[in-house]
Structure formats: structure tokens, C-alpha cells
């Protein structure tokens, strides 16, 4: 998973890899916009290939901040998506490595 890759098994395509969020976060003030006790968020962009349609995408964030979490996966398409990491502090989501897996129909 560290280096990323893809494979087709029968009628299923699996692609996986890592991406890093932006080096600065967005402060949403006191609003818990992307989850309980989270006011900051940062995005990581992932690129996909070989899918016939929008795949299922799951992700996890690699950070020591206990409150950091995946705040959602947005702008999904057969060619990519945006993964949002949210936390109560900027350090919990800025420059964070995201591990992701996409599963769907091969093109």
C-alpha cells in the first residue's frame, strides 16, 4: 500500500495508494462542519485510472492526533476524488498521509 498499485481480479479493479493533505488547513471556526469536535480540515487529491465508473473509495489517515478523522470523500469520479481529513487542530490534518483503496468495475 505504501507505494501504490492496481490489479484486476475477474470483473473487479482494485487500486490503492497514498496521498498527502495540503500543508495548511482551513479553519471553520467553532463549527463542527466535518465531524464532532473538528474545526480544521485539509484535502488530499487522489488520481484513479482503469475504472469504468465511479468506484467505492475508502481511506484512513496516518496521524498521531487522536481526534483526526476522514471527514469525507468528495468529487468522486472514475478518474479521481478528494479526501478530506478533519481535526480540532491544524496539525491533525495538515500534511497528513492518507492511505486509500478504490474498488470498482474495470474499464
N, C-alpha and C. Protein backbone atom coordinates (compact mmCIF):
# COMPACT_ATOMS: atom_id res chain seq x y z
N UNK A 1 0.83 -1.19 0.00
CA UNK A 1 0.00 0.00 0.00
C UNK A 1 0.87 1.25 0.00
N UNK A 2 2.04 1.19 0.60
CA UNK A 2 2.90 2.36 0.67
C UNK A 2 3.19 2.96 -0.70
N UNK A 3 3.53 2.11 -1.67
CA UNK A 3 3.91 2.65 -2.97
C UNK A 3 2.74 2.79 -3.93
N UNK A 4 1.66 2.11 -3.65
CA UNK A 4 0.50 2.18 -4.53
C UNK A 4 0.57 1.15 -5.62
N UNK A 5 -0.57 0.94 -6.25
CA UNK A 5 -0.63 -0.02 -7.34
C UNK A 5 -2.07 -0.30 -7.71
N UNK A 6 -2.24 -1.24 -8.64
CA UNK A 6 -3.58 -1.62 -9.08
C UNK A 6 -3.54 -3.03 -9.62
N UNK A 7 -4.70 -3.70 -9.53
CA UNK A 7 -4.82 -5.02 -10.11
C UNK A 7 -6.28 -5.29 -10.44
N UNK A 8 -6.48 -6.15 -11.42
CA UNK A 8 -7.81 -6.59 -11.79
C UNK A 8 -7.93 -8.06 -11.41
N UNK A 9 -9.01 -8.37 -10.71
CA UNK A 9 -9.29 -9.76 -10.34
C UNK A 9 -10.68 -10.07 -10.88
N UNK A 10 -10.74 -10.89 -11.91
CA UNK A 10 -12.03 -11.18 -12.53
C UNK A 10 -12.64 -9.90 -13.05
N UNK A 11 -13.84 -9.57 -12.60
CA UNK A 11 -14.53 -8.36 -13.04
C UNK A 11 -14.41 -7.21 -12.06
N UNK A 12 -13.36 -7.23 -11.23
CA UNK A 12 -13.18 -6.17 -10.22
C UNK A 12 -11.81 -5.54 -10.37
N UNK A 13 -11.76 -4.21 -10.28
CA UNK A 13 -10.48 -3.49 -10.28
C UNK A 13 -10.25 -2.94 -8.88
N UNK A 14 -9.02 -3.11 -8.40
CA UNK A 14 -8.61 -2.57 -7.10
C UNK A 14 -7.38 -1.69 -7.32
N UNK A 15 -7.48 -0.46 -6.89
CA UNK A 15 -6.34 0.46 -6.97
C UNK A 15 -6.12 1.02 -5.57
N UNK A 16 -4.87 1.21 -5.19
CA UNK A 16 -4.56 1.65 -3.83
C UNK A 16 -3.33 2.53 -3.83
N UNK A 17 -3.17 3.30 -2.76
CA UNK A 17 -2.01 4.16 -2.66
C UNK A 17 -2.09 5.11 -1.49
N UNK A 18 -1.25 6.12 -1.54
CA UNK A 18 -1.21 7.14 -0.50
C UNK A 18 -1.26 8.51 -1.15
N UNK A 19 -1.72 9.48 -0.39
CA UNK A 19 -1.71 10.88 -0.82
C UNK A 19 -1.49 11.71 0.45
N UNK A 20 -1.02 12.92 0.29
CA UNK A 20 -0.76 13.79 1.43
C UNK A 20 -1.64 15.02 1.35
N UNK A 21 -2.22 15.40 2.48
CA UNK A 21 -3.06 16.59 2.51
C UNK A 21 -2.22 17.85 2.35
N UNK A 22 -2.88 18.94 2.09
CA UNK A 22 -2.21 20.24 1.92
C UNK A 22 -1.43 20.59 3.19
N UNK A 23 -0.43 21.43 3.04
CA UNK A 23 0.43 21.80 4.17
C UNK A 23 -0.22 22.79 5.12
N UNK A 24 -1.36 23.35 4.73
CA UNK A 24 -2.11 24.22 5.64
C UNK A 24 -3.56 23.80 5.62
N UNK A 25 -4.26 24.06 6.71
CA UNK A 25 -5.65 23.63 6.82
C UNK A 25 -6.59 24.82 6.71
N UNK A 26 -7.86 24.52 6.54
CA UNK A 26 -8.90 25.52 6.56
C UNK A 26 -9.52 25.52 7.95
N UNK A 27 -9.63 26.69 8.57
CA UNK A 27 -10.23 26.81 9.89
C UNK A 27 -11.71 27.17 9.70
N UNK A 28 -12.58 26.31 10.17
CA UNK A 28 -14.02 26.52 10.03
C UNK A 28 -14.61 27.20 11.26
N UNK A 29 -13.77 27.75 12.12
CA UNK A 29 -14.26 28.43 13.31
C UNK A 29 -14.75 27.44 14.34
N UNK A 30 -15.81 27.76 15.02
CA UNK A 30 -16.33 26.88 16.06
C UNK A 30 -17.28 25.82 15.51
N UNK A 31 -17.52 25.82 14.22
CA UNK A 31 -18.45 24.85 13.63
C UNK A 31 -17.82 23.47 13.53
N UNK A 32 -18.58 22.47 13.86
CA UNK A 32 -18.14 21.08 13.67
C UNK A 32 -18.60 20.61 12.30
N UNK A 33 -18.08 21.27 11.28
CA UNK A 33 -18.55 21.06 9.92
C UNK A 33 -18.31 19.64 9.42
N UNK A 34 -17.16 19.06 9.72
CA UNK A 34 -16.81 17.74 9.19
C UNK A 34 -16.63 16.70 10.28
N UNK A 35 -17.45 16.77 11.30
CA UNK A 35 -17.41 15.76 12.36
C UNK A 35 -17.34 16.38 13.73
N UNK A 36 -17.68 15.62 14.73
CA UNK A 36 -17.68 16.08 16.12
C UNK A 36 -16.30 16.58 16.53
N UNK A 37 -16.24 17.72 17.17
CA UNK A 37 -15.03 18.38 17.69
C UNK A 37 -13.94 18.56 16.63
N UNK A 38 -14.33 18.84 15.40
CA UNK A 38 -13.34 19.14 14.37
C UNK A 38 -13.63 20.51 13.79
N UNK A 39 -12.63 21.36 13.80
CA UNK A 39 -12.81 22.70 13.25
C UNK A 39 -11.87 22.98 12.09
N UNK A 40 -10.86 22.16 11.90
CA UNK A 40 -9.91 22.33 10.80
C UNK A 40 -10.05 21.17 9.82
N UNK A 41 -9.77 21.44 8.56
CA UNK A 41 -9.75 20.38 7.55
C UNK A 41 -8.72 20.69 6.49
N UNK A 42 -8.24 19.64 5.85
CA UNK A 42 -7.30 19.76 4.73
C UNK A 42 -7.61 18.63 3.75
N UNK A 43 -7.36 18.88 2.47
CA UNK A 43 -7.71 17.91 1.43
C UNK A 43 -6.49 17.23 0.83
N UNK A 44 -6.71 15.98 0.41
CA UNK A 44 -5.73 15.24 -0.37
C UNK A 44 -6.43 14.81 -1.65
N UNK A 45 -5.76 14.97 -2.78
CA UNK A 45 -6.33 14.59 -4.06
C UNK A 45 -5.75 13.25 -4.49
N UNK A 46 -6.63 12.34 -4.91
CA UNK A 46 -6.15 11.06 -5.41
C UNK A 46 -6.55 10.93 -6.88
N UNK A 47 -5.67 10.30 -7.64
CA UNK A 47 -5.92 10.07 -9.06
C UNK A 47 -6.18 8.58 -9.28
N UNK A 48 -7.16 8.29 -10.11
CA UNK A 48 -7.53 6.91 -10.41
C UNK A 48 -7.41 6.65 -11.90
N UNK A 49 -7.25 5.39 -12.26
CA UNK A 49 -7.22 5.01 -13.68
C UNK A 49 -7.77 3.60 -13.84
N UNK A 50 -8.33 3.34 -15.00
CA UNK A 50 -8.77 2.00 -15.33
C UNK A 50 -10.15 1.62 -14.82
N UNK A 51 -10.92 2.59 -14.30
CA UNK A 51 -12.27 2.30 -13.83
C UNK A 51 -13.29 2.69 -14.89
N UNK A 52 -14.33 1.87 -15.03
CA UNK A 52 -15.39 2.16 -16.00
C UNK A 52 -16.36 3.20 -15.46
N UNK A 53 -16.49 3.26 -14.14
CA UNK A 53 -17.40 4.21 -13.49
C UNK A 53 -16.83 4.54 -12.12
N UNK A 54 -17.55 5.37 -11.40
CA UNK A 54 -17.10 5.80 -10.07
C UNK A 54 -16.96 4.58 -9.13
N UNK A 55 -15.76 4.35 -8.58
CA UNK A 55 -15.57 3.21 -7.69
C UNK A 55 -15.91 3.56 -6.24
N UNK A 56 -15.99 2.54 -5.41
CA UNK A 56 -16.07 2.72 -3.97
C UNK A 56 -14.67 3.11 -3.50
N UNK A 57 -14.57 4.13 -2.67
CA UNK A 57 -13.27 4.58 -2.16
C UNK A 57 -13.33 4.61 -0.64
N UNK A 58 -12.35 4.00 0.01
CA UNK A 58 -12.23 4.07 1.46
C UNK A 58 -10.84 4.61 1.78
N UNK A 59 -10.73 5.33 2.89
CA UNK A 59 -9.46 5.94 3.24
C UNK A 59 -9.28 5.99 4.75
N UNK A 60 -8.03 6.07 5.18
CA UNK A 60 -7.72 6.28 6.59
C UNK A 60 -6.56 7.26 6.65
N UNK A 61 -6.46 8.00 7.76
CA UNK A 61 -5.39 8.98 7.89
C UNK A 61 -4.34 8.49 8.88
N UNK A 62 -3.10 8.80 8.57
CA UNK A 62 -1.98 8.36 9.39
C UNK A 62 -1.45 9.56 10.17
N UNK A 63 -1.99 9.76 11.39
CA UNK A 63 -1.59 10.89 12.21
C UNK A 63 -1.65 10.50 13.68
N UNK A 64 -0.86 11.16 14.50
CA UNK A 64 -0.84 10.89 15.93
C UNK A 64 -1.91 11.66 16.69
N UNK A 65 -2.65 12.51 16.01
CA UNK A 65 -3.71 13.28 16.67
C UNK A 65 -4.93 12.40 16.83
N UNK A 66 -5.34 12.15 18.05
CA UNK A 66 -6.41 11.19 18.31
C UNK A 66 -7.75 11.62 17.74
N UNK A 67 -7.96 12.92 17.57
CA UNK A 67 -9.26 13.39 17.08
C UNK A 67 -9.33 13.49 15.57
N UNK A 68 -8.23 13.26 14.88
CA UNK A 68 -8.22 13.37 13.42
C UNK A 68 -9.02 12.22 12.81
N UNK A 69 -9.75 12.53 11.74
CA UNK A 69 -10.57 11.52 11.07
C UNK A 69 -10.78 11.90 9.62
N UNK A 70 -11.22 10.94 8.85
CA UNK A 70 -11.62 11.22 7.47
C UNK A 70 -12.95 11.95 7.54
N UNK A 71 -12.98 13.17 7.03
CA UNK A 71 -14.19 13.99 7.07
C UNK A 71 -15.10 13.75 5.89
N UNK A 72 -14.68 12.94 4.96
CA UNK A 72 -15.50 12.63 3.80
C UNK A 72 -14.66 12.46 2.55
N UNK A 73 -15.27 11.87 1.53
CA UNK A 73 -14.63 11.72 0.23
C UNK A 73 -15.54 12.39 -0.78
N UNK A 74 -15.02 13.40 -1.47
CA UNK A 74 -15.81 14.28 -2.32
C UNK A 74 -15.33 14.23 -3.76
N UNK A 75 -16.15 14.76 -4.66
CA UNK A 75 -15.82 14.87 -6.09
C UNK A 75 -15.36 13.53 -6.66
N UNK A 76 -16.07 12.48 -6.30
CA UNK A 76 -15.72 11.15 -6.78
C UNK A 76 -16.03 11.01 -8.26
N UNK A 77 -15.13 10.36 -8.97
CA UNK A 77 -15.36 10.03 -10.37
C UNK A 77 -14.49 8.83 -10.70
N UNK A 78 -14.58 8.35 -11.93
CA UNK A 78 -13.75 7.23 -12.36
C UNK A 78 -12.27 7.60 -12.43
N UNK A 79 -11.98 8.90 -12.42
CA UNK A 79 -10.58 9.33 -12.56
C UNK A 79 -9.99 9.95 -11.31
N UNK A 80 -10.77 10.10 -10.23
CA UNK A 80 -10.17 10.66 -9.03
C UNK A 80 -11.19 11.06 -7.99
N UNK A 81 -10.68 11.60 -6.88
CA UNK A 81 -11.53 12.04 -5.78
C UNK A 81 -10.71 12.94 -4.86
N UNK A 82 -11.42 13.61 -3.96
CA UNK A 82 -10.80 14.44 -2.93
C UNK A 82 -11.14 13.85 -1.57
N UNK A 83 -10.10 13.57 -0.78
CA UNK A 83 -10.29 13.04 0.57
C UNK A 83 -10.06 14.18 1.55
N UNK A 84 -11.04 14.42 2.43
CA UNK A 84 -10.92 15.48 3.42
C UNK A 84 -10.58 14.87 4.77
N UNK A 85 -9.52 15.39 5.40
CA UNK A 85 -9.15 14.99 6.75
C UNK A 85 -9.51 16.13 7.68
N UNK A 86 -10.16 15.84 8.79
CA UNK A 86 -10.57 16.88 9.71
C UNK A 86 -10.03 16.60 11.11
N UNK A 87 -9.83 17.68 11.87
CA UNK A 87 -9.29 17.57 13.23
C UNK A 87 -9.61 18.86 13.97
N UNK A 88 -9.39 18.86 15.27
CA UNK A 88 -9.65 20.07 16.05
C UNK A 88 -8.50 21.08 15.93
N UNK A 89 -7.36 20.62 15.46
CA UNK A 89 -6.18 21.48 15.30
C UNK A 89 -5.60 21.30 13.91
N UNK A 90 -4.92 22.32 13.44
CA UNK A 90 -4.32 22.27 12.11
C UNK A 90 -3.33 21.12 11.98
N UNK A 91 -2.56 20.88 13.03
CA UNK A 91 -1.56 19.81 12.99
C UNK A 91 -2.14 18.43 12.81
N UNK A 92 -3.40 18.27 13.13
CA UNK A 92 -4.04 16.98 12.98
C UNK A 92 -4.46 16.64 11.57
N UNK A 93 -4.47 17.65 10.69
CA UNK A 93 -4.94 17.38 9.33
C UNK A 93 -4.02 17.95 8.24
N UNK A 94 -3.13 18.87 8.56
CA UNK A 94 -2.23 19.44 7.56
C UNK A 94 -1.02 18.53 7.36
N UNK A 95 -0.64 18.29 6.13
CA UNK A 95 0.50 17.43 5.77
C UNK A 95 0.36 16.02 6.34
N UNK A 96 -0.84 15.48 6.28
CA UNK A 96 -1.12 14.14 6.80
C UNK A 96 -1.19 13.16 5.64
N UNK A 97 -0.59 11.99 5.83
CA UNK A 97 -0.64 10.95 4.82
C UNK A 97 -1.97 10.21 4.91
N UNK A 98 -2.60 10.04 3.77
CA UNK A 98 -3.87 9.33 3.66
C UNK A 98 -3.62 8.04 2.87
N UNK A 99 -4.03 6.91 3.42
CA UNK A 99 -3.99 5.63 2.73
C UNK A 99 -5.37 5.38 2.15
N UNK A 100 -5.46 4.99 0.90
CA UNK A 100 -6.75 4.81 0.26
C UNK A 100 -6.79 3.55 -0.61
N UNK A 101 -8.01 3.05 -0.80
CA UNK A 101 -8.27 1.91 -1.66
C UNK A 101 -9.54 2.21 -2.46
N UNK A 102 -9.50 1.96 -3.75
CA UNK A 102 -10.66 2.13 -4.62
C UNK A 102 -10.99 0.77 -5.24
N UNK A 103 -12.28 0.41 -5.23
CA UNK A 103 -12.73 -0.87 -5.76
C UNK A 103 -13.92 -0.61 -6.69
N UNK A 104 -13.85 -1.14 -7.91
CA UNK A 104 -14.95 -0.92 -8.84
C UNK A 104 -14.84 -1.76 -10.09
N UNK A 105 -15.62 -1.38 -11.10
CA UNK A 105 -15.63 -2.08 -12.39
C UNK A 105 -14.47 -1.61 -13.26
N UNK A 106 -13.73 -2.54 -13.84
CA UNK A 106 -12.63 -2.11 -14.73
C UNK A 106 -13.17 -1.60 -16.06
N UNK A 107 -12.41 -0.71 -16.66
CA UNK A 107 -12.83 -0.17 -17.97
C UNK A 107 -12.36 -1.08 -19.09
